[in-house]
Amino acid sequence: LLENPRDTQVRLGDVAELRIVPTPTVIHHEALSPLIDVVANVRGRDLGSVAGDVARRLKNVKFPLEYRAELLGEYAERQAAQKRMLSFAIAAAIGIFLLLQACFGSWRLATLVFVTLPVALVGGVLAAFAGGGISLGSLVGFLALLGVAARNSVLLIDRYQSLQQYDGEPFGPALVQRGTRELVAPVLMTAVTTALALVPLVVLGDVAGLEIVRPMALVILGGLVTSTWLALVVIPALYLRLRAVSHRIDVTDHVPDAAAARA
């Protein structure tokens, strides 16, 4: 019985609905707000894709006032790690560009190699989405691909410059073809041996402990195809075109000087 302001008593069942329901024995709080953990395990799919599906579903759920849902646990930790990895990737890209300039002694050649590096990542991006999406392991694979693509480009352009400066080879298509032929075997052997080493990681990727390694291996395998194509086809063609334009500019600049000398 309950007493009302009129000093009379009423039955609780007349003013409320009584039910016996389970309640938590311990109520956790975070920043003074009560919270309830909903725990789930993932099987048969990667954590990132499942968490993405859950996040999209939660966007369509209307919560009461001051109620909200957050994805925590391993997924949140991976998201934070991916953000840190992205910042490291940006710093690495800046460092690669500066090292390319120091290696070639030319901002044009450094820019040529740098702007073509994303082409090497195309195969890795396709492999990443085919394997379930972008994850921490795939980001590590992208960094490794940038290193492989930059190495191949540096070897090629350095060989072209050596043939011209030390072997007396005149600039032209013959120089580029010779330099590329001499480096076909090293570039292909690097790609093949790396791919063979990564195949077991892809095949055994479902084994516990290899959840991060398998996406990395997939990205590198896919990127090796496009990075090899970049090194043996794209870089030689662009180098030939860029140096031809620079050579014409140099010749044009020296024509007035030669005419003045004859006068």
Protein backbone atom coordinates (compact mmCIF):
# COMPACT_ATOMS: atom_id res chain seq x y z
CA LEU A 1 0.00 0.00 0.00
CA LEU A 2 1.09 3.56 -0.73
CA GLU A 3 0.03 6.76 0.97
CA ASN A 4 -1.09 9.64 -1.24
CA PRO A 5 -1.21 13.37 -0.38
CA ARG A 6 -4.79 12.92 0.88
CA ASP A 7 -3.55 10.60 3.65
CA THR A 8 -5.30 7.65 2.08
CA GLN A 9 -3.76 4.42 0.96
CA VAL A 10 -3.86 2.91 -2.52
CA ARG A 11 -2.67 -0.41 -3.85
CA LEU A 12 0.64 -0.36 -5.72
CA GLY A 13 -0.92 -2.46 -8.47
CA ASP A 14 -3.46 0.31 -9.12
CA VAL A 15 -0.82 2.88 -10.04
CA ALA A 16 1.98 0.74 -11.51
CA GLU A 17 2.59 -2.50 -13.40
CA LEU A 18 4.49 -5.01 -11.32
CA ARG A 19 6.86 -7.47 -12.98
CA ILE A 20 9.74 -9.62 -11.82
CA VAL A 21 12.67 -9.13 -14.21
CA PRO A 22 16.39 -9.93 -13.97
CA THR A 23 18.67 -7.03 -13.10
CA PRO A 24 22.48 -6.80 -13.09
CA THR A 25 24.06 -7.38 -9.72
CA VAL A 26 26.87 -4.94 -10.56
CA ILE A 27 26.38 -1.69 -12.48
CA HIS A 28 29.56 -0.37 -14.07
CA HIS A 29 30.13 3.33 -14.66
CA GLU A 30 32.36 5.30 -17.00
CA ALA A 31 32.60 9.08 -16.55
CA LEU A 32 29.64 8.90 -14.13
CA SER A 33 27.48 7.21 -16.79
CA PRO A 34 26.21 3.66 -16.19
CA LEU A 35 27.10 1.17 -18.90
CA ILE A 36 26.33 -2.38 -19.92
CA ASP A 37 28.82 -4.47 -21.90
CA VAL A 38 27.55 -6.59 -24.78
CA VAL A 39 30.26 -9.15 -25.55
CA ALA A 40 30.49 -11.10 -28.80
CA ASN A 41 33.05 -13.35 -30.48
CA VAL A 42 33.73 -13.38 -34.22
CA ARG A 43 34.02 -16.58 -36.25
CA GLY A 44 34.34 -17.15 -39.97
CA ARG A 45 34.94 -13.47 -40.78
CA ASP A 46 37.55 -10.88 -39.92
CA LEU A 47 36.92 -8.55 -37.01
CA GLY A 48 37.05 -5.37 -39.09
CA SER A 49 34.26 -6.32 -41.50
CA VAL A 50 32.01 -7.59 -38.69
CA ALA A 51 32.56 -4.43 -36.65
CA GLY A 52 31.79 -2.35 -39.74
CA ASP A 53 28.47 -4.16 -40.19
CA VAL A 54 27.62 -3.64 -36.52
CA ALA A 55 28.47 0.07 -36.73
CA ARG A 56 26.21 0.51 -39.77
CA ARG A 57 23.35 -1.25 -38.00
CA LEU A 58 23.80 0.87 -34.88
CA LYS A 59 23.44 4.06 -36.93
CA ASN A 60 19.85 3.08 -37.68
CA VAL A 61 18.99 2.35 -34.03
CA LYS A 62 17.24 5.17 -32.16
CA PHE A 63 18.29 5.23 -28.51
CA PRO A 64 16.44 7.01 -25.69
CA LEU A 65 17.68 10.38 -24.55
CA GLU A 66 21.32 10.30 -23.33
CA TYR A 67 21.73 6.64 -24.32
CA ARG A 68 24.39 5.72 -26.87
CA ALA A 69 26.32 2.75 -28.19
CA GLU A 70 30.09 2.46 -28.62
CA LEU A 71 32.26 -0.22 -30.20
CA LEU A 72 35.10 -0.97 -27.80
CA GLY A 73 37.56 -3.74 -27.14
CA GLU A 74 39.92 -5.11 -29.76
CA TYR A 75 38.17 -3.26 -32.59
CA ALA A 76 38.74 0.13 -30.96
CA GLU A 77 42.36 -0.76 -30.30
CA ARG A 78 42.82 -1.70 -33.95
CA GLN A 79 41.24 1.57 -35.07
CA ALA A 80 43.67 3.54 -32.91
CA ALA A 81 46.59 1.48 -34.24
CA GLN A 82 45.48 2.13 -37.83
CA LYS A 83 45.42 5.88 -37.20
CA ARG A 84 48.94 5.73 -35.80
CA MET A 85 50.05 3.62 -38.76
CA LEU A 86 48.57 6.19 -41.15
CA SER A 87 50.59 8.97 -39.53
CA PHE A 88 53.72 6.83 -39.81
CA ALA A 89 52.93 6.19 -43.48
CA ILE A 90 52.71 9.93 -44.17
CA ALA A 91 56.03 10.50 -42.43
CA ALA A 92 57.56 7.62 -44.39
CA ALA A 93 56.28 9.07 -47.69
CA ILE A 94 57.90 12.42 -46.93
CA GLY A 95 61.14 10.68 -46.02
CA ILE A 96 61.06 8.62 -49.22
CA PHE A 97 60.63 11.75 -51.34
CA LEU A 98 63.57 13.52 -49.68
CA LEU A 99 65.77 10.43 -50.03
CA LEU A 100 64.86 10.17 -53.72
CA GLN A 101 65.92 13.76 -54.27
CA ALA A 102 69.19 13.15 -52.45
CA CYS A 103 69.81 10.00 -54.51
CA PHE A 104 69.10 11.48 -57.95
CA GLY A 105 70.14 15.07 -57.29
CA SER A 106 67.05 16.14 -59.23
CA TRP A 107 63.66 17.27 -58.00
CA ARG A 108 62.14 16.24 -61.34
CA LEU A 109 63.33 12.65 -61.12
CA ALA A 110 62.37 12.46 -57.45
CA THR A 111 58.88 13.72 -58.30
CA LEU A 112 58.64 11.27 -61.21
CA VAL A 113 59.34 8.29 -58.98
CA PHE A 114 57.26 9.58 -56.09
CA VAL A 115 54.07 10.24 -58.07
CA THR A 116 54.28 6.80 -59.70
CA LEU A 117 54.62 4.93 -56.39
CA PRO A 118 50.81 4.82 -55.84
CA VAL A 119 50.57 2.78 -59.06
CA ALA A 120 52.49 0.04 -57.28
CA LEU A 121 49.81 -0.02 -54.58
CA VAL A 122 46.93 -0.74 -56.98
CA GLY A 123 47.43 -4.48 -56.86
CA GLY A 124 47.72 -4.34 -53.08
CA VAL A 125 44.46 -2.38 -52.75
CA LEU A 126 42.60 -4.90 -54.91
CA ALA A 127 44.05 -7.80 -52.92
CA ALA A 128 43.14 -6.11 -49.62
CA PHE A 129 39.48 -5.67 -50.57
CA ALA A 130 39.35 -9.19 -51.98
CA GLY A 131 40.65 -10.46 -48.65
CA GLY A 132 38.12 -8.60 -46.50
CA GLY A 133 39.10 -4.94 -46.42
CA ILE A 134 41.73 -2.62 -45.00
CA SER A 135 43.23 -3.71 -41.69
CA LEU A 136 46.34 -3.08 -39.63
CA GLY A 137 48.18 -5.90 -41.38
CA SER A 138 47.29 -4.55 -44.83
CA LEU A 139 48.62 -1.10 -43.88
CA VAL A 140 51.94 -2.70 -42.97
CA GLY A 141 51.88 -4.42 -46.35
CA PHE A 142 51.38 -1.09 -48.12
CA LEU A 143 54.45 0.33 -46.39
CA ALA A 144 56.49 -2.68 -47.51
CA LEU A 145 55.23 -2.23 -51.08
CA LEU A 146 56.30 1.41 -51.10
CA GLY A 147 59.80 0.30 -50.15
CA VAL A 148 59.94 -2.36 -52.87
CA ALA A 149 58.63 -0.01 -55.57
CA ALA A 150 60.99 2.78 -54.53
CA ARG A 151 63.95 0.37 -54.54
CA ASN A 152 63.19 -0.85 -58.06
CA SER A 153 62.79 2.69 -59.38
CA VAL A 154 66.03 3.83 -57.76
CA LEU A 155 67.94 0.89 -59.25
CA LEU A 156 66.62 1.62 -62.74
CA ILE A 157 67.21 5.36 -62.79
CA ASP A 158 70.62 5.00 -61.14
CA ARG A 159 71.57 2.49 -63.85
CA TYR A 160 70.43 4.87 -66.59
CA GLN A 161 72.52 7.67 -65.11
CA SER A 162 75.56 5.40 -64.71
CA LEU A 163 75.39 4.28 -68.34
CA GLN A 164 75.28 7.89 -69.50
CA GLN A 165 77.89 9.33 -67.13
CA TYR A 166 80.45 6.53 -66.82
CA ASP A 167 79.96 4.30 -69.86
CA GLY A 168 79.55 7.16 -72.32
CA GLU A 169 76.21 5.84 -73.58
CA PRO A 170 74.36 8.68 -75.35
CA PHE A 171 70.91 9.45 -74.05
CA GLY A 172 68.10 7.85 -76.02
CA PRO A 173 65.85 4.82 -76.26
CA ALA A 174 68.87 2.51 -76.62
CA LEU A 175 70.23 3.63 -73.24
CA VAL A 176 66.91 3.05 -71.50
CA GLN A 177 66.44 -0.34 -73.16
CA ARG A 178 69.93 -1.47 -72.20
CA GLY A 179 69.56 -0.37 -68.59
CA THR A 180 66.16 -2.02 -68.28
CA ARG A 181 67.38 -5.31 -69.78
CA GLU A 182 70.28 -5.43 -67.33
CA LEU A 183 67.90 -5.12 -64.37
CA VAL A 184 65.07 -7.37 -65.54
CA ALA A 185 66.52 -10.42 -63.80
CA PRO A 186 67.14 -8.74 -60.38
CA VAL A 187 63.67 -7.16 -60.34
CA LEU A 188 61.89 -10.37 -61.33
CA MET A 189 63.92 -12.52 -58.93
CA THR A 190 63.10 -10.17 -56.06
CA ALA A 191 59.39 -10.36 -56.86
CA VAL A 192 59.34 -14.14 -57.32
CA THR A 193 61.33 -15.00 -54.19
CA THR A 194 59.27 -12.61 -52.07
CA ALA A 195 56.03 -14.08 -53.44
CA LEU A 196 57.15 -17.64 -52.73
CA ALA A 197 58.00 -16.70 -49.15
CA LEU A 198 54.56 -15.12 -48.62
CA VAL A 199 52.43 -17.91 -50.12
CA PRO A 200 52.51 -20.07 -46.94
CA LEU A 201 51.29 -17.10 -44.88
CA VAL A 202 48.31 -16.70 -47.20
CA VAL A 203 47.49 -20.41 -47.22
CA LEU A 204 47.82 -20.74 -43.43
CA GLY A 205 46.21 -17.39 -42.71
CA ASP A 206 43.32 -18.88 -40.70
CA VAL A 207 45.68 -20.29 -38.09
CA ALA A 208 45.50 -18.54 -34.72
CA GLY A 209 48.17 -15.87 -34.46
CA LEU A 210 48.30 -15.08 -38.19
CA GLU A 211 45.27 -12.76 -38.28
CA ILE A 212 47.48 -9.74 -39.00
CA VAL A 213 50.11 -11.50 -41.11
CA ARG A 214 47.69 -12.86 -43.72
CA PRO A 215 46.29 -9.44 -44.83
CA MET A 216 49.85 -8.14 -45.02
CA ALA A 217 50.92 -11.06 -47.21
CA LEU A 218 47.89 -10.62 -49.49
CA VAL A 219 48.64 -6.93 -50.01
CA ILE A 220 52.30 -7.56 -50.78
CA LEU A 221 51.49 -10.39 -53.20
CA GLY A 222 49.00 -8.26 -55.11
CA GLY A 223 51.28 -5.25 -55.07
CA LEU A 224 54.28 -7.20 -56.38
CA VAL A 225 52.46 -7.62 -59.69
CA THR A 226 51.81 -3.91 -60.20
CA SER A 227 55.15 -2.80 -58.72
CA THR A 228 57.04 -5.08 -61.12
CA TRP A 229 55.00 -3.77 -64.04
CA LEU A 230 55.73 -0.24 -62.84
CA ALA A 231 59.46 -0.86 -62.69
CA LEU A 232 59.86 -2.58 -66.06
CA VAL A 233 57.32 -0.66 -68.16
CA VAL A 234 56.13 2.62 -66.65
CA ILE A 235 59.34 4.00 -65.14
CA PRO A 236 61.48 3.46 -68.29
CA ALA A 237 58.87 5.12 -70.52
CA LEU A 238 58.38 8.11 -68.21
CA TYR A 239 62.12 8.52 -67.66
CA LEU A 240 62.73 8.55 -71.40
CA ARG A 241 60.03 11.16 -71.92
CA LEU A 242 61.09 13.37 -69.02
CA ARG A 243 64.79 13.33 -69.90
CA ALA A 244 63.99 13.97 -73.56
CA VAL A 245 62.07 17.11 -72.59
CA SER A 246 64.89 18.22 -70.28
CA HIS A 247 67.45 17.53 -73.02
CA ARG A 248 65.53 19.68 -75.51
CA ILE A 249 65.32 22.49 -72.96
CA ASP A 250 69.08 22.31 -72.33
CA VAL A 251 69.81 22.39 -76.06
CA THR A 252 67.51 25.39 -76.56
CA ASP A 253 69.19 27.26 -73.71
CA HIS A 254 72.63 26.74 -75.27
CA VAL A 255 71.69 27.78 -78.81
CA PRO A 256 71.84 31.55 -78.12
CA ASP A 257 75.22 31.14 -76.43
CA ALA A 258 76.60 29.28 -79.45
CA ALA A 259 75.23 31.90 -81.85
CA ALA A 260 76.80 34.68 -79.81
CA ALA A 261 80.15 32.89 -79.84
CA ARG A 262 80.09 32.59 -83.66
CA ALA A 263 79.23 36.28 -83.97
